[in-house]
Amino acid sequence: MNLFGLFKKKGKSGLTYSELETWLNEVMQMTIPDDVVAFCFNLYEDANKSWTLELIGAGSFDTTDNDWACDEVFTTRDTPLTWRDDKEWQDVQILTIKMIKEYIEKGKYGKALKERQGLAVGFVDGDLTLL
């Protein structure tokens, strides 16, 4: 069974913490290169109120320059988390940040995400929120 396929069902509405947790648990079991010094959760607004979340690992980190997130050495681009939701992009971002913070505190691999130099969430064409 392809676990990532569970999150690509048409007509699915809203993202739940359980879905994010399951996806992140699978992602964090992948081999993360040793040169990943920071993680960034990239959000994408797709057509028809569809949303995509991917996790990238960056080889550099800089609190004053968001371009560190472009220094990808790891990505889940081929296995993203996707869902439909009628919310506006700002609300999707707020909800996603809230769920990621919850995962960092109580998720199976939360500590592994926090151990790096940086952790951020943001739309790929917008500002990053450092966690």
Protein backbone atom coordinates (compact mmCIF):
# COMPACT_ATOMS: atom_id res chain seq x y z
CA MET A 1 0.00 0.00 0.00
CA ASN A 2 1.37 3.42 -0.95
CA LEU A 3 0.84 5.53 2.15
CA PHE A 4 1.41 8.81 0.32
CA GLY A 5 -1.47 8.03 -2.03
CA LEU A 6 -3.88 8.31 0.90
CA PHE A 7 -3.47 12.07 0.85
CA LYS A 8 -4.21 12.61 -2.82
CA LYS A 9 -7.85 11.62 -2.86
CA LYS A 10 -10.09 14.00 -4.79
CA GLY A 11 -12.80 15.69 -2.83
CA LYS A 12 -10.92 15.48 0.46
CA SER A 13 -11.47 18.66 2.43
CA GLY A 14 -9.25 20.11 5.12
CA LEU A 15 -6.05 18.82 6.63
CA THR A 16 -6.12 17.00 9.95
CA TYR A 17 -3.29 16.69 12.45
CA SER A 18 -3.47 12.90 12.11
CA GLU A 19 -2.82 13.11 8.36
CA LEU A 20 0.11 15.49 8.87
CA GLU A 21 1.52 13.24 11.59
CA THR A 22 1.29 10.10 9.46
CA TRP A 23 2.94 11.84 6.50
CA LEU A 24 5.74 13.31 8.63
CA ASN A 25 6.41 9.99 10.34
CA GLU A 26 6.90 8.39 6.91
CA VAL A 27 9.03 11.30 5.66
CA MET A 28 11.31 11.31 8.69
CA GLN A 29 12.00 7.58 8.25
CA MET A 30 13.69 8.41 4.93
CA THR A 31 17.44 8.77 4.86
CA ILE A 32 18.13 12.41 5.70
CA PRO A 33 21.58 13.45 4.45
CA ASP A 34 24.08 14.41 7.16
CA ASP A 35 24.65 17.80 5.54
CA VAL A 36 21.06 18.94 6.23
CA VAL A 37 21.45 21.78 8.73
CA ALA A 38 17.88 23.14 8.56
CA PHE A 39 14.38 22.11 7.48
CA CYS A 40 11.71 24.12 5.71
CA PHE A 41 8.09 23.17 5.13
CA ASN A 42 7.14 24.62 1.73
CA LEU A 43 3.48 25.37 1.12
CA TYR A 44 2.01 25.63 -2.38
CA GLU A 45 -1.39 26.92 -3.43
CA ASP A 46 -2.59 24.74 -6.29
CA ALA A 47 -5.68 25.18 -8.46
CA ASN A 48 -9.23 24.88 -7.13
CA LYS A 49 -8.42 25.32 -3.43
CA SER A 50 -5.91 22.50 -3.39
CA TRP A 51 -2.79 22.78 -1.25
CA THR A 52 0.55 21.00 -1.17
CA LEU A 53 3.11 20.69 1.61
CA GLU A 54 6.65 19.42 1.14
CA LEU A 55 9.61 19.22 3.46
CA ILE A 56 13.06 20.23 2.30
CA GLY A 57 16.38 19.87 4.05
CA ALA A 58 18.84 22.69 3.43
CA GLY A 59 22.61 22.62 3.49
CA SER A 60 22.77 26.12 4.97
CA PHE A 61 20.79 28.36 7.31
CA ASP A 62 20.69 32.13 7.75
CA THR A 63 18.17 33.95 9.97
CA THR A 64 18.60 37.15 7.92
CA ASP A 65 18.21 35.66 4.43
CA ASN A 66 15.32 33.35 3.49
CA ASP A 67 17.25 32.07 0.48
CA TRP A 68 18.82 29.43 2.73
CA ALA A 69 15.69 27.39 2.00
CA CYS A 70 16.75 27.21 -1.68
CA ASP A 71 19.91 25.29 -0.74
CA GLU A 72 18.09 21.94 -0.96
CA VAL A 73 19.97 18.73 -0.24
CA PHE A 74 16.83 16.75 0.64
CA THR A 75 13.24 17.07 -0.54
CA THR A 76 9.90 15.27 -0.42
CA ARG A 77 8.82 16.82 -3.72
CA ASP A 78 7.97 13.37 -5.09
CA THR A 79 5.89 12.46 -2.01
CA PRO A 80 4.13 15.65 -0.91
CA LEU A 81 1.13 15.98 1.35
CA THR A 82 -1.84 17.33 -0.62
CA TRP A 83 -5.37 18.27 0.40
CA ARG A 84 -8.34 20.44 -0.53
CA ASP A 85 -9.61 23.24 1.66
CA ASP A 86 -11.80 26.27 0.96
CA LYS A 87 -9.74 28.48 3.28
CA GLU A 88 -7.72 31.49 2.15
CA TRP A 89 -3.94 31.10 1.93
CA GLN A 90 -3.35 33.00 5.19
CA ASP A 91 -5.64 30.65 7.10
CA VAL A 92 -4.02 27.57 5.53
CA GLN A 93 -0.62 28.88 6.58
CA ILE A 94 -1.75 29.58 10.16
CA LEU A 95 -3.34 26.14 10.51
CA THR A 96 -0.32 24.38 8.99
CA ILE A 97 2.07 26.20 11.34
CA LYS A 98 -0.12 25.27 14.31
CA MET A 99 -0.11 21.59 13.34
CA ILE A 100 3.65 21.53 12.70
CA LYS A 101 4.28 23.14 16.10
CA GLU A 102 2.09 20.46 17.68
CA TYR A 103 4.08 17.77 15.86
CA ILE A 104 7.36 19.28 17.02
CA GLU A 105 6.15 19.08 20.62
CA LYS A 106 4.60 15.62 20.63
CA GLY A 107 5.34 13.89 17.31
CA LYS A 108 7.58 10.86 16.98
CA TYR A 109 10.31 12.79 15.11
CA GLY A 110 9.68 16.24 16.58
CA LYS A 111 13.03 16.24 18.35
CA ALA A 112 14.85 15.37 15.11
CA LEU A 113 13.25 18.39 13.43
CA LYS A 114 14.20 20.70 16.32
CA GLU A 115 17.81 19.50 16.52
CA ARG A 116 18.85 21.29 13.33
CA GLN A 117 20.01 24.92 13.18
CA GLY A 118 16.70 26.12 11.76
CA LEU A 119 13.12 25.15 11.07
CA ALA A 120 10.67 27.20 9.04
CA VAL A 121 7.29 27.15 7.31
CA GLY A 122 6.14 29.30 4.43
CA PHE A 123 4.75 29.58 0.96
CA VAL A 124 7.49 29.12 -1.62
CA ASP A 125 6.90 32.62 -2.98
CA GLY A 126 6.48 34.29 0.41
CA ASP A 127 8.17 34.95 3.71
CA LEU A 128 9.22 32.16 6.02
CA THR A 129 8.07 31.80 9.61
CA LEU A 130 10.86 30.47 11.80
CA LEU A 131 9.72 27.98 14.43
